[in-house]
């Protein structure tokens, strides 16, 4: 997902973290709460990190019922 203001790309890294790449190619790795883990980019939108890296909740109409 591209941030609407900074145009940075936010994507899951497959290990529960969020990789953020800015327009200049610098990147940073962040936890879903927005805390920095690794990389040259030290700032990220914590709200977007939560959206991208947070738990995926199934919609109640799509979720399979047990029984």
PDB file of N, CA and C in Angstrom:
ATOM      1  N   UNK A   1       0.845  -1.160   0.000  1.00  0.00           N
ATOM      2  CA  UNK A   1       0.000   0.000   0.000  1.00  0.00           C
ATOM      3  C   UNK A   1       0.900   1.236   0.000  1.00  0.00           C
ATOM      4  N   UNK A   2       0.540   2.212  -0.775  1.00  0.00           N
ATOM      5  CA  UNK A   2       1.321   3.451  -0.869  1.00  0.00           C
ATOM      6  C   UNK A   2       0.710   4.495   0.064  1.00  0.00           C
ATOM      7  N   UNK A   3       1.565   5.113   0.881  1.00  0.00           N
ATOM      8  CA  UNK A   3       1.113   6.149   1.812  1.00  0.00           C
ATOM      9  C   UNK A   3       0.609   7.341   1.005  1.00  0.00           C
ATOM     10  N   UNK A   4      -0.559   7.892   1.342  1.00  0.00           N
ATOM     11  CA  UNK A   4      -1.138   8.969   0.528  1.00  0.00           C
ATOM     12  C   UNK A   4      -0.339  10.266   0.519  1.00  0.00           C
ATOM     13  N   UNK A   5       0.440  10.544   1.556  1.00  0.00           N
ATOM     14  CA  UNK A   5       1.190  11.799   1.602  1.00  0.00           C
ATOM     15  C   UNK A   5       2.657  11.628   1.226  1.00  0.00           C
ATOM     16  N   UNK A   6       3.326  10.653   1.839  1.00  0.00           N
ATOM     17  CA  UNK A   6       4.764  10.481   1.595  1.00  0.00           C
ATOM     18  C   UNK A   6       5.057   9.672   0.341  1.00  0.00           C
ATOM     19  N   UNK A   7       4.073   8.936  -0.146  1.00  0.00           N
ATOM     20  CA  UNK A   7       4.205   8.041  -1.315  1.00  0.00           C
ATOM     21  C   UNK A   7       5.150   6.874  -1.049  1.00  0.00           C
ATOM     22  N   UNK A   8       5.458   6.608   0.230  1.00  0.00           N
ATOM     23  CA  UNK A   8       6.285   5.451   0.590  1.00  0.00           C
ATOM     24  C   UNK A   8       5.455   4.178   0.440  1.00  0.00           C
ATOM     25  N   UNK A   9       6.113   3.097   0.063  1.00  0.00           N
ATOM     26  CA  UNK A   9       5.459   1.804  -0.114  1.00  0.00           C
ATOM     27  C   UNK A   9       5.544   1.012   1.182  1.00  0.00           C
ATOM     28  N   UNK A  10       4.404   0.554   1.679  1.00  0.00           N
ATOM     29  CA  UNK A  10       4.311  -0.261   2.893  1.00  0.00           C
ATOM     30  C   UNK A  10       3.902  -1.663   2.475  1.00  0.00           C
ATOM     31  N   UNK A  11       4.692  -2.667   2.889  1.00  0.00           N
ATOM     32  CA  UNK A  11       4.373  -4.049   2.532  1.00  0.00           C
ATOM     33  C   UNK A  11       4.838  -5.001   3.624  1.00  0.00           C
ATOM     34  N   UNK A  12       4.170  -6.139   3.743  1.00  0.00           N
ATOM     35  CA  UNK A  12       4.568  -7.161   4.708  1.00  0.00           C
ATOM     36  C   UNK A  12       5.861  -7.810   4.250  1.00  0.00           C
ATOM     37  N   UNK A  13       6.681  -8.199   5.223  1.00  0.00           N
ATOM     38  CA  UNK A  13       7.935  -8.873   4.869  1.00  0.00           C
ATOM     39  C   UNK A  13       7.836 -10.385   5.009  1.00  0.00           C
ATOM     40  N   UNK A  14       6.696 -10.903   5.454  1.00  0.00           N
ATOM     41  CA  UNK A  14       6.519 -12.341   5.607  1.00  0.00           C
ATOM     42  C   UNK A  14       6.927 -12.868   6.968  1.00  0.00           C
ATOM     43  N   UNK A  15       7.516 -12.007   7.799  1.00  0.00           N
ATOM     44  CA  UNK A  15       7.945 -12.411   9.145  1.00  0.00           C
ATOM     45  C   UNK A  15       7.237 -11.616  10.233  1.00  0.00           C
ATOM     46  N   UNK A  16       6.126 -10.990   9.884  1.00  0.00           N
ATOM     47  CA  UNK A  16       5.369 -10.215  10.865  1.00  0.00           C
ATOM     48  C   UNK A  16       5.766  -8.759  10.961  1.00  0.00           C
ATOM     49  N   UNK A  17       6.709  -8.323  10.131  1.00  0.00           N
ATOM     50  CA  UNK A  17       7.140  -6.928  10.125  1.00  0.00           C
ATOM     51  C   UNK A  17       6.648  -6.230   8.863  1.00  0.00           C
ATOM     52  N   UNK A  18       6.813  -4.912   8.849  1.00  0.00           N
ATOM     53  CA  UNK A  18       6.399  -4.095   7.709  1.00  0.00           C
ATOM     54  C   UNK A  18       7.638  -3.449   7.106  1.00  0.00           C
ATOM     55  N   UNK A  19       7.831  -3.635   5.810  1.00  0.00           N
ATOM     56  CA  UNK A  19       8.950  -3.004   5.099  1.00  0.00           C
ATOM     57  C   UNK A  19       8.415  -1.738   4.437  1.00  0.00           C
ATOM     58  N   UNK A  20       9.075  -0.623   4.720  1.00  0.00           N
ATOM     59  CA  UNK A  20       8.686   0.672   4.164  1.00  0.00           C
ATOM     60  C   UNK A  20       9.809   1.144   3.254  1.00  0.00           C
ATOM     61  N   UNK A  21       9.471   1.456   2.001  1.00  0.00           N
ATOM     62  CA  UNK A  21      10.446   1.951   1.027  1.00  0.00           C
ATOM     63  C   UNK A  21       9.995   3.328   0.566  1.00  0.00           C
ATOM     64  N   UNK A  22      10.871   4.336   0.716  1.00  0.00           N
ATOM     65  CA  UNK A  22      10.490   5.684   0.302  1.00  0.00           C
ATOM     66  C   UNK A  22      10.770   5.909  -1.181  1.00  0.00           C
ATOM     67  N   UNK A  23      10.445   7.116  -1.656  1.00  0.00           N
ATOM     68  CA  UNK A  23      10.590   7.440  -3.083  1.00  0.00           C
ATOM     69  C   UNK A  23      12.033   7.377  -3.559  1.00  0.00           C
ATOM     70  N   UNK A  24      12.990   7.575  -2.643  1.00  0.00           N
ATOM     71  CA  UNK A  24      14.408   7.568  -3.005  1.00  0.00           C
ATOM     72  C   UNK A  24      15.039   6.187  -2.922  1.00  0.00           C
ATOM     73  N   UNK A  25      14.243   5.179  -2.569  1.00  0.00           N
ATOM     74  CA  UNK A  25      14.756   3.817  -2.484  1.00  0.00           C
ATOM     75  C   UNK A  25      15.278   3.415  -1.116  1.00  0.00           C
ATOM     76  N   UNK A  26      15.301   4.351  -0.164  1.00  0.00           N
ATOM     77  CA  UNK A  26      15.697   3.982   1.199  1.00  0.00           C
ATOM     78  C   UNK A  26      14.596   3.130   1.807  1.00  0.00           C
ATOM     79  N   UNK A  27      14.971   2.194   2.665  1.00  0.00           N
ATOM     80  CA  UNK A  27      13.969   1.317   3.265  1.00  0.00           C
ATOM     81  C   UNK A  27      14.214   1.166   4.757  1.00  0.00           C
ATOM     82  N   UNK A  28      13.166   0.759   5.439  1.00  0.00           N
ATOM     83  CA  UNK A  28      13.242   0.466   6.868  1.00  0.00           C
ATOM     84  C   UNK A  28      12.286  -0.662   7.183  1.00  0.00           C
ATOM     85  N   UNK A  29      12.608  -1.395   8.216  1.00  0.00           N
ATOM     86  CA  UNK A  29      11.777  -2.501   8.669  1.00  0.00           C
ATOM     87  C   UNK A  29      11.191  -2.112  10.019  1.00  0.00           C
ATOM     88  N   UNK A  30       9.871  -2.264  10.162  1.00  0.00           N
ATOM     89  CA  UNK A  30       9.168  -1.816  11.360  1.00  0.00           C
ATOM     90  C   UNK A  30       8.232  -2.904  11.870  1.00  0.00           C
ATOM     91  N   UNK A  31       7.991  -2.883  13.172  1.00  0.00           N
ATOM     92  CA  UNK A  31       7.006  -3.781  13.769  1.00  0.00           C
ATOM     93  C   UNK A  31       5.612  -3.225  13.475  1.00  0.00           C
ATOM     94  N   UNK A  32       4.565  -4.025  13.655  1.00  0.00           N
ATOM     95  CA  UNK A  32       3.209  -3.522  13.398  1.00  0.00           C
ATOM     96  C   UNK A  32       2.812  -2.315  14.249  1.00  0.00           C
ATOM     97  N   UNK A  33       3.502  -2.087  15.373  1.00  0.00           N
ATOM     98  CA  UNK A  33       3.195  -0.902  16.180  1.00  0.00           C
ATOM     99  C   UNK A  33       3.991   0.328  15.729  1.00  0.00           C
ATOM    100  N   UNK A  34       4.809   0.175  14.693  1.00  0.00           N
ATOM    101  CA  UNK A  34       5.554   1.296  14.129  1.00  0.00           C
ATOM    102  C   UNK A  34       6.955   1.467  14.668  1.00  0.00           C
ATOM    103  N   UNK A  35       7.411   0.598  15.565  1.00  0.00           N
ATOM    104  CA  UNK A  35       8.771   0.728  16.086  1.00  0.00           C
ATOM    105  C   UNK A  35       9.783   0.201  15.075  1.00  0.00           C
ATOM    106  N   UNK A  36      10.907   0.893  14.994  1.00  0.00           N
ATOM    107  CA  UNK A  36      11.960   0.585  14.028  1.00  0.00           C
ATOM    108  C   UNK A  36      12.667  -0.711  14.391  1.00  0.00           C
ATOM    109  N   UNK A  37      13.009  -1.507  13.372  1.00  0.00           N
ATOM    110  CA  UNK A  37      13.746  -2.755  13.555  1.00  0.00           C
ATOM    111  C   UNK A  37      15.089  -2.701  12.842  1.00  0.00           C
ATOM    112  N   UNK A  38      15.091  -2.261  11.568  1.00  0.00           N
ATOM    113  CA  UNK A  38      16.308  -2.312  10.758  1.00  0.00           C
ATOM    114  C   UNK A  38      16.165  -1.353   9.583  1.00  0.00           C
ATOM    115  N   UNK A  39      17.282  -1.018   8.945  1.00  0.00           N
ATOM    116  CA  UNK A  39      17.282  -0.228   7.717  1.00  0.00           C
ATOM    117  C   UNK A  39      17.676   1.223   7.915  1.00  0.00           C
ATOM    118  N   UNK A  40      17.767   1.939   6.785  1.00  0.00           N
ATOM    119  CA  UNK A  40      18.185   3.340   6.774  1.00  0.00           C
ATOM    120  C   UNK A  40      17.036   4.314   7.010  1.00  0.00           C
ATOM    121  N   UNK A  41      15.820   3.853   6.868  1.00  0.00           N
ATOM    122  CA  UNK A  41      14.640   4.686   7.084  1.00  0.00           C
ATOM    123  C   UNK A  41      14.182   4.471   8.525  1.00  0.00           C
ATOM    124  N   UNK A  42      14.099   5.552   9.305  1.00  0.00           N
ATOM    125  CA  UNK A  42      13.823   5.438  10.739  1.00  0.00           C
ATOM    126  C   UNK A  42      12.416   5.875  11.122  1.00  0.00           C
ATOM    127  N   UNK A  43      11.648   6.419  10.189  1.00  0.00           N
ATOM    128  CA  UNK A  43      10.309   6.898  10.508  1.00  0.00           C
ATOM    129  C   UNK A  43       9.286   6.230   9.612  1.00  0.00           C
ATOM    130  N   UNK A  44       8.165   5.842  10.228  1.00  0.00           N
ATOM    131  CA  UNK A  44       7.063   5.240   9.484  1.00  0.00           C
ATOM    132  C   UNK A  44       5.756   5.649  10.154  1.00  0.00           C
ATOM    133  N   UNK A  45       4.679   5.588   9.411  1.00  0.00           N
ATOM    134  CA  UNK A  45       3.356   5.890   9.937  1.00  0.00           C
ATOM    135  C   UNK A  45       2.875   4.690  10.756  1.00  0.00           C
ATOM    136  N   UNK A  46       2.751   4.820  12.085  1.00  0.00           N
ATOM    137  CA  UNK A  46       2.355   3.670  12.900  1.00  0.00           C
ATOM    138  C   UNK A  46       0.960   3.156  12.571  1.00  0.00           C
ATOM    139  N   UNK A  47       0.074   4.044  12.129  1.00  0.00           N
ATOM    140  CA  UNK A  47      -1.277   3.616  11.763  1.00  0.00           C
ATOM    141  C   UNK A  47      -1.230   2.692  10.548  1.00  0.00           C
ATOM    142  N   UNK A  48      -0.452   3.057   9.550  1.00  0.00           N
ATOM    143  CA  UNK A  48      -0.331   2.228   8.351  1.00  0.00           C
ATOM    144  C   UNK A  48       0.426   0.936   8.654  1.00  0.00           C
ATOM    145  N   UNK A  49       1.413   1.000   9.542  1.00  0.00           N
ATOM    146  CA  UNK A  49       2.116  -0.223   9.949  1.00  0.00           C
ATOM    147  C   UNK A  49       1.139  -1.200  10.595  1.00  0.00           C
ATOM    148  N   UNK A  50       0.227  -0.686  11.402  1.00  0.00           N
ATOM    149  CA  UNK A  50      -0.784  -1.539  12.025  1.00  0.00           C
ATOM    150  C   UNK A  50      -1.721  -2.156  11.014  1.00  0.00           C
ATOM    151  N   UNK A  51      -2.091  -1.384  10.010  1.00  0.00           N
ATOM    152  CA  UNK A  51      -2.970  -1.900   8.949  1.00  0.00           C
ATOM    153  C   UNK A  51      -2.283  -3.016   8.179  1.00  0.00           C
ATOM    154  N   UNK A  52      -1.044  -2.783   7.799  1.00  0.00           N
ATOM    155  CA  UNK A  52      -0.322  -3.731   6.959  1.00  0.00           C
ATOM    156  C   UNK A  52       0.166  -4.936   7.759  1.00  0.00           C
ATOM    157  N   UNK A  53       0.689  -4.711   8.946  1.00  0.00           N
ATOM    158  CA  UNK A  53       1.305  -5.789   9.709  1.00  0.00           C
ATOM    159  C   UNK A  53       0.445  -6.404  10.787  1.00  0.00           C
ATOM    160  N   UNK A  54      -0.722  -5.820  11.022  1.00  0.00           N
ATOM    161  CA  UNK A  54      -1.576  -6.315  12.097  1.00  0.00           C
ATOM    162  C   UNK A  54      -2.297  -7.604  11.736  1.00  0.00           C
ATOM    163  N   UNK A  55      -3.048  -8.135  12.691  1.00  0.00           N
ATOM    164  CA  UNK A  55      -3.770  -9.395  12.443  1.00  0.00           C
ATOM    165  C   UNK A  55      -4.860  -9.211  11.392  1.00  0.00           C
ATOM    166  N   UNK A  56      -5.063 -10.247  10.619  1.00  0.00           N
ATOM    167  CA  UNK A  56      -6.100 -10.228   9.591  1.00  0.00           C
ATOM    168  C   UNK A  56      -7.365 -10.842  10.177  1.00  0.00           C
ATOM    169  N   UNK A  57      -8.402 -10.045  10.285  1.00  0.00           N
ATOM    170  CA  UNK A  57      -9.654 -10.497  10.877  1.00  0.00           C
ATOM    171  C   UNK A  57     -10.649 -10.760   9.757  1.00  0.00           C
ATOM    172  N   UNK A  58     -11.245 -11.941   9.770  1.00  0.00           N
ATOM    173  CA  UNK A  58     -12.230 -12.291   8.742  1.00  0.00           C
ATOM    174  C   UNK A  58     -13.532 -11.542   9.007  1.00  0.00           C
ATOM    175  N   UNK A  59     -14.173 -11.115   7.951  1.00  0.00           N
ATOM    176  CA  UNK A  59     -15.467 -10.470   8.057  1.00  0.00           C
ATOM    177  C   UNK A  59     -16.475 -11.482   8.586  1.00  0.00           C
ATOM    178  N   UNK A  60     -17.391 -11.032   9.437  1.00  0.00           N
ATOM    179  CA  UNK A  60     -18.321 -11.965  10.075  1.00  0.00           C
ATOM    180  C   UNK A  60     -19.235 -12.683   9.079  1.00  0.00           C
ATOM    181  N   UNK A  61     -19.467 -12.111   7.920  1.00  0.00           N
ATOM    182  CA  UNK A  61     -20.318 -12.767   6.924  1.00  0.00           C
ATOM    183  C   UNK A  61     -19.548 -13.776   6.080  1.00  0.00           C
ATOM    184  N   UNK A  62     -18.236 -13.646   6.069  1.00  0.00           N
ATOM    185  CA  UNK A  62     -17.407 -14.548   5.274  1.00  0.00           C
ATOM    186  C   UNK A  62     -16.829 -15.670   6.127  1.00  0.00           C
ATOM    187  N   UNK A  63     -16.647 -15.409   7.413  1.00  0.00           N
ATOM    188  CA  UNK A  63     -16.031 -16.397   8.304  1.00  0.00           C
ATOM    189  C   UNK A  63     -16.845 -17.688   8.313  1.00  0.00           C
ATOM    190  N   UNK A  64     -16.155 -18.800   8.324  1.00  0.00           N
ATOM    191  CA  UNK A  64     -16.806 -20.106   8.324  1.00  0.00           C
ATOM    192  C   UNK A  64     -17.323 -20.412   9.721  1.00  0.00           C
ATOM    193  N   UNK A  65     -18.547 -20.876   9.792  1.00  0.00           N
ATOM    194  CA  UNK A  65     -19.095 -21.263  11.090  1.00  0.00           C
ATOM    195  C   UNK A  65     -18.702 -22.699  11.401  1.00  0.00           C
ATOM    196  N   UNK A  66     -18.486 -22.952  12.657  1.00  0.00           N
ATOM    197  CA  UNK A  66     -18.128 -24.303  13.094  1.00  0.00           C
ATOM    198  C   UNK A  66     -19.393 -24.990  13.597  1.00  0.00           C
ATOM    199  N   UNK A  67     -19.696 -26.111  13.007  1.00  0.00           N
ATOM    200  CA  UNK A  67     -20.855 -26.835  13.513  1.00  0.00           C
ATOM    201  C   UNK A  67     -21.745 -27.380  12.495  1.00  0.00           C
TER     202      UNK A  67
END
